[in-house]
Amino acid sequence: MIPIICTQVEVHLFRRRRLRSEFLLLRRSPSRSLAGVWQPVTGGIERREQAYAAAAREVREETGLTPIRWWALERLTIHYDPAKDRIQAVPVFVAEVSWTDPVHLSHEHDRYAFVPASTAARRVVWQSQRRALKAIAEEVLRRGADASARDITARVAALGRPAARRRKDA
């Protein structure tokens, strides 16, 4: 039997001004695997960590940004890892950042760019990331019932509150 695991998250960050939206892409540093590849924020889920907590942590670690709104896409990225003979399920998150917030890259990346969705779709390597960009347009940017249902801003904000208080409010 092939195991299905969930050890990674993917986060697409965007900023908007009026009707214009731009997505943040990060370029992997030369010293890393897949050097030079453009991607959204990605990273691992730590032991006993909630997926959305991992997403918030990875965004802080890789970009220094604190998003103002968060969504969890309905669609997961699912792929087969032949090296480990397992199926990887990856929750995909979307977060909006302020137009003027500065990006502070970690050592994992050497460049960043805010680009329109069409440019982002051409730069990323994986088809699943292109599908995520389309899903963001459908589920988040249209600002309808889908966006409201997928909004997890309050959950992510609760991560910063003391644990005792979080348990009472839950």
N, C-alpha and C. Protein backbone atom coordinates (compact mmCIF):
# COMPACT_ATOMS: atom_id res chain seq x y z
N MET A 1 0.84 -1.17 0.00
CA MET A 1 0.00 0.00 0.00
C MET A 1 0.89 1.25 0.00
N ILE A 2 0.55 2.22 -0.79
CA ILE A 2 1.31 3.46 -0.87
C ILE A 2 0.75 4.45 0.16
N PRO A 3 1.62 5.00 1.03
CA PRO A 3 1.12 5.95 2.03
C PRO A 3 0.80 7.32 1.42
N ILE A 4 -0.16 7.99 2.03
CA ILE A 4 -0.49 9.36 1.68
C ILE A 4 -0.08 10.21 2.88
N ILE A 5 0.77 11.20 2.63
CA ILE A 5 1.26 12.03 3.73
C ILE A 5 1.01 13.51 3.42
N CYS A 6 1.07 14.31 4.47
CA CYS A 6 0.92 15.76 4.34
C CYS A 6 1.99 16.40 5.20
N THR A 7 3.11 16.77 4.59
CA THR A 7 4.23 17.33 5.33
C THR A 7 4.65 18.69 4.81
N GLN A 8 3.97 19.20 3.78
CA GLN A 8 4.34 20.45 3.14
C GLN A 8 3.14 21.38 3.01
N VAL A 9 3.42 22.68 2.87
CA VAL A 9 2.39 23.67 2.55
C VAL A 9 2.89 24.53 1.40
N GLU A 10 1.96 25.14 0.71
CA GLU A 10 2.27 26.08 -0.36
C GLU A 10 1.43 27.32 -0.11
N VAL A 11 2.06 28.51 -0.23
CA VAL A 11 1.35 29.76 0.04
C VAL A 11 1.58 30.73 -1.12
N HIS A 12 0.50 31.16 -1.73
CA HIS A 12 0.56 32.16 -2.79
C HIS A 12 0.23 33.51 -2.16
N LEU A 13 1.19 34.41 -2.19
CA LEU A 13 1.01 35.76 -1.65
C LEU A 13 0.69 36.71 -2.80
N PHE A 14 -0.23 37.63 -2.54
CA PHE A 14 -0.54 38.63 -3.55
C PHE A 14 -0.78 39.97 -2.87
N ARG A 15 -0.69 41.01 -3.67
CA ARG A 15 -1.04 42.36 -3.22
C ARG A 15 -1.94 42.95 -4.28
N ARG A 16 -2.81 43.87 -3.86
CA ARG A 16 -3.69 44.48 -4.85
C ARG A 16 -3.83 45.98 -4.60
N ARG A 17 -3.97 46.66 -5.69
CA ARG A 17 -4.23 48.10 -5.67
C ARG A 17 -5.32 48.32 -6.70
N ARG A 18 -6.45 48.79 -6.23
CA ARG A 18 -7.63 48.96 -7.07
C ARG A 18 -7.96 47.62 -7.73
N LEU A 19 -7.98 47.55 -9.04
CA LEU A 19 -8.33 46.30 -9.73
C LEU A 19 -7.11 45.48 -10.12
N ARG A 20 -5.93 45.92 -9.74
CA ARG A 20 -4.68 45.25 -10.14
C ARG A 20 -4.17 44.35 -9.02
N SER A 21 -3.91 43.09 -9.33
CA SER A 21 -3.33 42.14 -8.37
C SER A 21 -1.99 41.66 -8.90
N GLU A 22 -1.05 41.51 -7.98
CA GLU A 22 0.27 40.99 -8.32
C GLU A 22 0.63 39.88 -7.34
N PHE A 23 1.27 38.84 -7.86
CA PHE A 23 1.65 37.69 -7.05
C PHE A 23 3.14 37.70 -6.78
N LEU A 24 3.50 37.32 -5.57
CA LEU A 24 4.91 37.26 -5.19
C LEU A 24 5.49 35.90 -5.59
N LEU A 25 6.57 35.94 -6.35
CA LEU A 25 7.33 34.74 -6.68
C LEU A 25 8.72 34.89 -6.09
N LEU A 26 9.26 33.76 -5.63
CA LEU A 26 10.60 33.72 -5.05
C LEU A 26 11.46 32.83 -5.92
N ARG A 27 12.70 33.24 -6.13
CA ARG A 27 13.62 32.40 -6.92
C ARG A 27 14.55 31.66 -5.98
N ARG A 28 14.62 30.35 -6.16
CA ARG A 28 15.45 29.51 -5.30
C ARG A 28 16.93 29.84 -5.47
N SER A 29 17.63 29.89 -4.34
CA SER A 29 19.05 30.22 -4.33
C SER A 29 19.88 29.18 -5.08
N PRO A 30 21.05 29.59 -5.60
CA PRO A 30 21.91 28.67 -6.35
C PRO A 30 22.38 27.45 -5.54
N SER A 31 22.46 27.57 -4.24
CA SER A 31 22.94 26.47 -3.40
C SER A 31 21.87 25.42 -3.09
N ARG A 32 20.63 25.65 -3.52
CA ARG A 32 19.53 24.74 -3.18
C ARG A 32 19.15 23.86 -4.36
N SER A 33 18.44 22.79 -4.06
CA SER A 33 17.91 21.96 -5.15
C SER A 33 16.95 22.83 -5.97
N LEU A 34 16.81 22.51 -7.22
CA LEU A 34 15.98 23.30 -8.14
C LEU A 34 16.39 24.78 -8.15
N ALA A 35 17.69 25.02 -8.11
CA ALA A 35 18.23 26.38 -8.12
C ALA A 35 17.69 27.16 -9.31
N GLY A 36 17.32 28.41 -9.05
CA GLY A 36 16.83 29.29 -10.10
C GLY A 36 15.36 29.15 -10.42
N VAL A 37 14.67 28.19 -9.81
CA VAL A 37 13.25 27.98 -10.07
C VAL A 37 12.45 29.05 -9.32
N TRP A 38 11.47 29.62 -10.01
CA TRP A 38 10.55 30.58 -9.39
C TRP A 38 9.38 29.81 -8.78
N GLN A 39 8.97 30.23 -7.59
CA GLN A 39 7.92 29.51 -6.87
C GLN A 39 7.22 30.43 -5.87
N PRO A 40 6.04 29.99 -5.40
CA PRO A 40 5.43 30.68 -4.26
C PRO A 40 6.17 30.23 -2.99
N VAL A 41 5.73 30.71 -1.85
CA VAL A 41 6.29 30.25 -0.58
C VAL A 41 5.93 28.78 -0.40
N THR A 42 6.92 27.97 -0.06
CA THR A 42 6.67 26.55 0.22
C THR A 42 7.49 26.16 1.44
N GLY A 43 7.06 25.13 2.12
CA GLY A 43 7.83 24.68 3.27
C GLY A 43 7.18 23.53 3.99
N GLY A 44 7.88 23.06 5.01
CA GLY A 44 7.45 21.89 5.74
C GLY A 44 6.56 22.20 6.93
N ILE A 45 5.76 21.22 7.28
CA ILE A 45 4.92 21.28 8.48
C ILE A 45 5.69 20.59 9.59
N GLU A 46 5.88 21.29 10.70
CA GLU A 46 6.60 20.71 11.82
C GLU A 46 5.69 19.79 12.63
N ARG A 47 6.29 18.93 13.40
CA ARG A 47 5.54 17.96 14.23
C ARG A 47 4.51 18.69 15.08
N ARG A 48 3.28 18.21 15.04
CA ARG A 48 2.13 18.73 15.78
C ARG A 48 1.73 20.15 15.39
N GLU A 49 2.18 20.61 14.25
CA GLU A 49 1.84 21.96 13.78
C GLU A 49 0.63 21.88 12.84
N GLN A 50 -0.29 22.81 12.98
CA GLN A 50 -1.41 22.88 12.06
C GLN A 50 -0.91 23.40 10.72
N ALA A 51 -1.54 22.98 9.64
CA ALA A 51 -1.07 23.37 8.31
C ALA A 51 -1.09 24.89 8.14
N TYR A 52 -2.15 25.56 8.60
CA TYR A 52 -2.19 27.01 8.43
C TYR A 52 -1.17 27.72 9.32
N ALA A 53 -0.80 27.12 10.45
CA ALA A 53 0.27 27.68 11.28
C ALA A 53 1.61 27.54 10.56
N ALA A 54 1.81 26.41 9.89
CA ALA A 54 3.04 26.22 9.11
C ALA A 54 3.09 27.24 7.97
N ALA A 55 1.95 27.49 7.34
CA ALA A 55 1.90 28.47 6.25
C ALA A 55 2.31 29.85 6.75
N ALA A 56 1.76 30.27 7.89
CA ALA A 56 2.09 31.59 8.44
C ALA A 56 3.57 31.67 8.82
N ARG A 57 4.09 30.60 9.42
CA ARG A 57 5.49 30.57 9.82
C ARG A 57 6.41 30.64 8.60
N GLU A 58 6.11 29.85 7.58
CA GLU A 58 6.93 29.84 6.37
C GLU A 58 6.92 31.21 5.67
N VAL A 59 5.78 31.87 5.65
CA VAL A 59 5.72 33.21 5.05
C VAL A 59 6.63 34.16 5.82
N ARG A 60 6.56 34.14 7.15
CA ARG A 60 7.43 35.01 7.96
C ARG A 60 8.90 34.68 7.72
N GLU A 61 9.24 33.39 7.74
CA GLU A 61 10.63 32.97 7.60
C GLU A 61 11.21 33.31 6.22
N GLU A 62 10.43 33.09 5.17
CA GLU A 62 10.95 33.25 3.82
C GLU A 62 10.84 34.65 3.26
N THR A 63 9.89 35.46 3.79
CA THR A 63 9.67 36.79 3.21
C THR A 63 9.66 37.93 4.23
N GLY A 64 9.50 37.61 5.51
CA GLY A 64 9.38 38.65 6.53
C GLY A 64 8.04 39.36 6.50
N LEU A 65 7.11 38.90 5.68
CA LEU A 65 5.80 39.55 5.55
C LEU A 65 4.79 39.03 6.57
N THR A 66 3.86 39.90 6.95
CA THR A 66 2.73 39.54 7.80
C THR A 66 1.46 39.85 7.01
N PRO A 67 0.84 38.83 6.40
CA PRO A 67 -0.35 39.06 5.59
C PRO A 67 -1.51 39.67 6.37
N ILE A 68 -2.37 40.39 5.65
CA ILE A 68 -3.54 41.01 6.27
C ILE A 68 -4.79 40.15 6.14
N ARG A 69 -4.81 39.21 5.18
CA ARG A 69 -5.92 38.27 5.04
C ARG A 69 -5.39 36.94 4.55
N TRP A 70 -6.11 35.87 4.92
CA TRP A 70 -5.71 34.50 4.58
C TRP A 70 -6.90 33.70 4.06
N TRP A 71 -6.63 32.80 3.12
CA TRP A 71 -7.62 31.85 2.63
C TRP A 71 -6.97 30.49 2.46
N ALA A 72 -7.77 29.45 2.59
CA ALA A 72 -7.34 28.08 2.29
C ALA A 72 -8.09 27.66 1.03
N LEU A 73 -7.34 27.33 -0.02
CA LEU A 73 -7.99 26.92 -1.26
C LEU A 73 -8.70 25.58 -1.05
N GLU A 74 -9.78 25.40 -1.78
CA GLU A 74 -10.51 24.14 -1.74
C GLU A 74 -9.65 23.01 -2.31
N ARG A 75 -8.87 23.33 -3.33
CA ARG A 75 -8.06 22.32 -4.02
C ARG A 75 -6.71 22.13 -3.33
N LEU A 76 -6.35 20.89 -3.15
CA LEU A 76 -5.02 20.54 -2.66
C LEU A 76 -4.14 20.22 -3.85
N THR A 77 -2.84 20.31 -3.65
CA THR A 77 -1.92 19.78 -4.65
C THR A 77 -1.59 18.36 -4.20
N ILE A 78 -1.78 17.42 -5.09
CA ILE A 78 -1.49 16.02 -4.78
C ILE A 78 -0.55 15.49 -5.86
N HIS A 79 0.56 14.91 -5.42
CA HIS A 79 1.49 14.36 -6.39
C HIS A 79 2.16 13.11 -5.82
N TYR A 80 2.67 12.31 -6.74
CA TYR A 80 3.38 11.09 -6.38
C TYR A 80 4.87 11.38 -6.28
N ASP A 81 5.50 10.93 -5.21
CA ASP A 81 6.94 11.08 -5.00
C ASP A 81 7.59 9.72 -5.25
N PRO A 82 8.16 9.53 -6.45
CA PRO A 82 8.73 8.22 -6.78
C PRO A 82 9.96 7.87 -5.93
N ALA A 83 10.70 8.86 -5.48
CA ALA A 83 11.90 8.59 -4.67
C ALA A 83 11.53 7.93 -3.34
N LYS A 84 10.37 8.29 -2.80
CA LYS A 84 9.94 7.73 -1.51
C LYS A 84 8.72 6.83 -1.65
N ASP A 85 8.25 6.63 -2.88
CA ASP A 85 7.08 5.79 -3.17
C ASP A 85 5.91 6.15 -2.27
N ARG A 86 5.53 7.42 -2.33
CA ARG A 86 4.40 7.87 -1.53
C ARG A 86 3.66 8.99 -2.26
N ILE A 87 2.46 9.22 -1.81
CA ILE A 87 1.65 10.31 -2.35
C ILE A 87 1.71 11.46 -1.36
N GLN A 88 2.00 12.63 -1.86
CA GLN A 88 2.11 13.84 -1.03
C GLN A 88 0.88 14.72 -1.29
N ALA A 89 0.16 15.05 -0.24
CA ALA A 89 -0.95 16.00 -0.32
C ALA A 89 -0.46 17.31 0.29
N VAL A 90 -0.65 18.41 -0.44
CA VAL A 90 -0.14 19.71 -0.01
C VAL A 90 -1.30 20.71 0.07
N PRO A 91 -1.64 21.18 1.29
CA PRO A 91 -2.64 22.24 1.39
C PRO A 91 -2.10 23.52 0.74
N VAL A 92 -2.98 24.22 0.02
CA VAL A 92 -2.58 25.45 -0.67
C VAL A 92 -3.31 26.61 -0.03
N PHE A 93 -2.53 27.59 0.39
CA PHE A 93 -3.06 28.78 1.05
C PHE A 93 -2.81 30.01 0.18
N VAL A 94 -3.61 31.03 0.42
CA VAL A 94 -3.49 32.31 -0.28
C VAL A 94 -3.50 33.38 0.80
N ALA A 95 -2.64 34.38 0.64
CA ALA A 95 -2.61 35.47 1.62
C ALA A 95 -2.38 36.79 0.90
N GLU A 96 -3.09 37.80 1.38
CA GLU A 96 -2.93 39.15 0.84
C GLU A 96 -2.00 39.94 1.73
N VAL A 97 -1.06 40.63 1.11
CA VAL A 97 -0.14 41.50 1.84
C VAL A 97 -0.38 42.93 1.39
N SER A 98 0.07 43.85 2.20
CA SER A 98 -0.07 45.26 1.88
C SER A 98 0.80 45.62 0.68
N TRP A 99 0.33 46.53 -0.15
CA TRP A 99 1.05 46.93 -1.35
C TRP A 99 2.44 47.46 -1.02
N THR A 100 2.59 48.09 0.13
CA THR A 100 3.86 48.76 0.47
C THR A 100 4.77 47.96 1.39
N ASP A 101 4.35 46.81 1.86
CA ASP A 101 5.19 46.03 2.78
C ASP A 101 6.46 45.55 2.09
N PRO A 102 7.62 45.74 2.74
CA PRO A 102 8.88 45.29 2.14
C PRO A 102 9.09 43.79 2.32
N VAL A 103 9.72 43.17 1.33
CA VAL A 103 10.05 41.74 1.38
C VAL A 103 11.49 41.61 1.88
N HIS A 104 11.69 40.70 2.84
CA HIS A 104 13.03 40.40 3.36
C HIS A 104 13.27 38.91 3.14
N LEU A 105 14.06 38.58 2.13
CA LEU A 105 14.29 37.19 1.76
C LEU A 105 15.18 36.45 2.76
N SER A 106 14.89 35.18 2.94
CA SER A 106 15.77 34.30 3.70
C SER A 106 16.87 33.80 2.77
N HIS A 107 17.77 33.00 3.30
CA HIS A 107 18.85 32.41 2.49
C HIS A 107 18.33 31.44 1.44
N GLU A 108 17.09 31.00 1.56
CA GLU A 108 16.53 30.02 0.64
C GLU A 108 16.31 30.58 -0.77
N HIS A 109 16.19 31.91 -0.87
CA HIS A 109 15.89 32.54 -2.15
C HIS A 109 16.83 33.71 -2.39
N ASP A 110 17.11 33.98 -3.67
CA ASP A 110 18.02 35.08 -3.98
C ASP A 110 17.36 36.26 -4.68
N ARG A 111 16.12 36.08 -5.13
CA ARG A 111 15.38 37.17 -5.77
C ARG A 111 13.90 36.99 -5.53
N TYR A 112 13.19 38.10 -5.69
CA TYR A 112 11.73 38.03 -5.65
C TYR A 112 11.16 38.99 -6.69
N ALA A 113 9.91 38.75 -7.05
CA ALA A 113 9.23 39.63 -7.99
C ALA A 113 7.73 39.56 -7.72
N PHE A 114 7.08 40.73 -7.74
CA PHE A 114 5.63 40.79 -7.75
C PHE A 114 5.23 40.93 -9.20
N VAL A 115 4.42 39.98 -9.69
CA VAL A 115 4.06 39.95 -11.11
C VAL A 115 2.58 39.63 -11.27
N PRO A 116 1.99 40.01 -12.41
CA PRO A 116 0.59 39.63 -12.67
C PRO A 116 0.46 38.10 -12.72
N ALA A 117 -0.75 37.62 -12.52
CA ALA A 117 -1.00 36.17 -12.51
C ALA A 117 -0.53 35.51 -13.81
N SER A 118 -0.72 36.16 -14.94
CA SER A 118 -0.32 35.55 -16.22
C SER A 118 1.20 35.36 -16.28
N THR A 119 1.95 36.32 -15.77
CA THR A 119 3.41 36.19 -15.74
C THR A 119 3.83 35.12 -14.75
N ALA A 120 3.17 35.09 -13.59
CA ALA A 120 3.47 34.07 -12.58
C ALA A 120 3.24 32.67 -13.17
N ALA A 121 2.16 32.50 -13.90
CA ALA A 121 1.85 31.20 -14.49
C ALA A 121 2.93 30.77 -15.50
N ARG A 122 3.53 31.72 -16.18
CA ARG A 122 4.60 31.37 -17.13
C ARG A 122 5.92 31.05 -16.42
N ARG A 123 6.15 31.65 -15.25
CA ARG A 123 7.44 31.47 -14.55
C ARG A 123 7.52 30.21 -13.70
N VAL A 124 6.41 29.80 -13.10
CA VAL A 124 6.48 28.63 -12.21
C VAL A 124 6.67 27.36 -13.04
N VAL A 125 7.29 26.38 -12.42
CA VAL A 125 7.61 25.13 -13.11
C VAL A 125 6.45 24.15 -13.11
N TRP A 126 5.74 24.07 -12.02
CA TRP A 126 4.76 23.00 -11.82
C TRP A 126 3.36 23.40 -12.31
N GLN A 127 2.74 22.47 -13.00
CA GLN A 127 1.37 22.66 -13.46
C GLN A 127 0.43 22.89 -12.28
N SER A 128 0.69 22.23 -11.16
CA SER A 128 -0.18 22.41 -9.98
C SER A 128 -0.17 23.85 -9.49
N GLN A 129 0.96 24.55 -9.64
CA GLN A 129 1.03 25.96 -9.23
C GLN A 129 0.26 26.84 -10.22
N ARG A 130 0.26 26.48 -11.49
CA ARG A 130 -0.56 27.21 -12.46
C ARG A 130 -2.04 26.99 -12.16
N ARG A 131 -2.41 25.76 -11.80
CA ARG A 131 -3.80 25.49 -11.44
C ARG A 131 -4.20 26.27 -10.18
N ALA A 132 -3.27 26.39 -9.23
CA ALA A 132 -3.55 27.15 -8.01
C ALA A 132 -3.83 28.62 -8.35
N LEU A 133 -3.06 29.19 -9.26
CA LEU A 133 -3.29 30.59 -9.66
C LEU A 133 -4.68 30.77 -10.25
N LYS A 134 -5.14 29.80 -11.05
CA LYS A 134 -6.50 29.87 -11.60
C LYS A 134 -7.53 29.74 -10.48
N ALA A 135 -7.28 28.84 -9.53
CA ALA A 135 -8.20 28.66 -8.42
C ALA A 135 -8.29 29.92 -7.56
N ILE A 136 -7.19 30.61 -7.40
CA ILE A 136 -7.19 31.86 -6.63
C ILE A 136 -8.12 32.87 -7.30
N ALA A 137 -8.06 32.97 -8.61
CA ALA A 137 -8.94 33.88 -9.34
C ALA A 137 -10.40 33.51 -9.11
N GLU A 138 -10.70 32.21 -9.11
CA GLU A 138 -12.07 31.74 -8.95
C GLU A 138 -12.56 31.80 -7.50
N GLU A 139 -11.71 31.39 -6.56
CA GLU A 139 -12.14 31.21 -5.17
C GLU A 139 -11.89 32.42 -4.27
N VAL A 140 -10.96 33.30 -4.64
CA VAL A 140 -10.59 34.40 -3.74
C VAL A 140 -10.79 35.77 -4.36
N LEU A 141 -10.22 36.00 -5.51
CA LEU A 141 -10.22 37.35 -6.08
C LEU A 141 -11.59 37.84 -6.51
N ARG A 142 -12.51 36.95 -6.77
CA ARG A 142 -13.87 37.35 -7.16
C ARG A 142 -14.66 37.88 -5.97
N ARG A 143 -14.17 37.60 -4.76
CA ARG A 143 -14.75 38.13 -3.51
C ARG A 143 -16.21 37.72 -3.28
N GLY A 144 -16.60 36.59 -3.74
CA GLY A 144 -17.96 36.12 -3.54
C GLY A 144 -18.06 35.18 -2.36
N ALA A 145 -19.06 34.30 -2.42
CA ALA A 145 -19.30 33.34 -1.35
C ALA A 145 -18.12 32.40 -1.17
N ASP A 146 -17.47 32.02 -2.28
CA ASP A 146 -16.30 31.15 -2.18
C ASP A 146 -15.22 31.78 -1.32
N ALA A 147 -14.94 33.07 -1.57
CA ALA A 147 -13.89 33.76 -0.81
C ALA A 147 -14.25 33.81 0.67
N SER A 148 -15.49 34.11 0.98
CA SER A 148 -15.91 34.17 2.39
C SER A 148 -15.80 32.81 3.06
N ALA A 149 -16.21 31.77 2.35
CA ALA A 149 -16.18 30.42 2.93
C ALA A 149 -14.76 29.93 3.13
N ARG A 150 -13.82 30.37 2.31
CA ARG A 150 -12.44 29.91 2.38
C ARG A 150 -11.56 30.78 3.28
N ASP A 151 -12.10 31.88 3.81
CA ASP A 151 -11.33 32.83 4.63
C ASP A 151 -10.95 32.20 5.97
N ILE A 152 -9.65 32.22 6.28
CA ILE A 152 -9.16 31.68 7.55
C ILE A 152 -8.37 32.74 8.34
N THR A 153 -8.62 34.01 8.03
CA THR A 153 -7.89 35.10 8.68
C THR A 153 -7.99 35.02 10.20
N ALA A 154 -9.17 34.77 10.73
CA ALA A 154 -9.34 34.72 12.19
C ALA A 154 -8.55 33.56 12.80
N ARG A 155 -8.52 32.43 12.13
CA ARG A 155 -7.74 31.28 12.64
C ARG A 155 -6.26 31.61 12.71
N VAL A 156 -5.74 32.24 11.65
CA VAL A 156 -4.32 32.58 11.62
C VAL A 156 -4.03 33.65 12.67
N ALA A 157 -4.91 34.62 12.81
CA ALA A 157 -4.72 35.68 13.82
C ALA A 157 -4.71 35.09 15.22
N ALA A 158 -5.49 34.04 15.45
CA ALA A 158 -5.55 33.41 16.78
C ALA A 158 -4.24 32.75 17.16
N LEU A 159 -3.39 32.48 16.19
CA LEU A 159 -2.09 31.86 16.49
C LEU A 159 -1.24 32.76 17.37
N GLY A 160 -1.43 34.05 17.27
CA GLY A 160 -0.65 35.00 18.05
C GLY A 160 -1.15 35.21 19.46
N ARG A 161 -2.32 34.66 19.77
CA ARG A 161 -2.88 34.81 21.11
C ARG A 161 -2.32 33.74 22.04
N PRO A 162 -2.27 34.01 23.33
CA PRO A 162 -1.80 32.99 24.28
C PRO A 162 -2.63 31.71 24.20
N ALA A 163 -1.99 30.57 24.39
CA ALA A 163 -2.63 29.26 24.24
C ALA A 163 -3.85 29.10 25.13
N ALA A 164 -3.79 29.51 26.39
CA ALA A 164 -4.93 29.35 27.30
C ALA A 164 -6.15 30.09 26.77
N ARG A 165 -5.94 31.28 26.28
CA ARG A 165 -7.05 32.07 25.77
C ARG A 165 -7.59 31.45 24.48
N ARG A 166 -6.73 30.93 23.62
CA ARG A 166 -7.16 30.28 22.38
C ARG A 166 -8.10 29.12 22.70
N ARG A 167 -7.76 28.31 23.72
CA ARG A 167 -8.60 27.15 24.05
C ARG A 167 -9.98 27.61 24.51
N LYS A 168 -10.08 28.67 25.29
CA LYS A 168 -11.37 29.17 25.75
C LYS A 168 -12.23 29.64 24.60
N ASP A 169 -11.62 30.32 23.63
CA ASP A 169 -12.38 30.89 22.52
C ASP A 169 -12.79 29.84 21.50
N ALA A 170 -12.11 28.72 21.46
CA ALA A 170 -12.36 27.72 20.40
C ALA A 170 -13.70 27.06 20.53
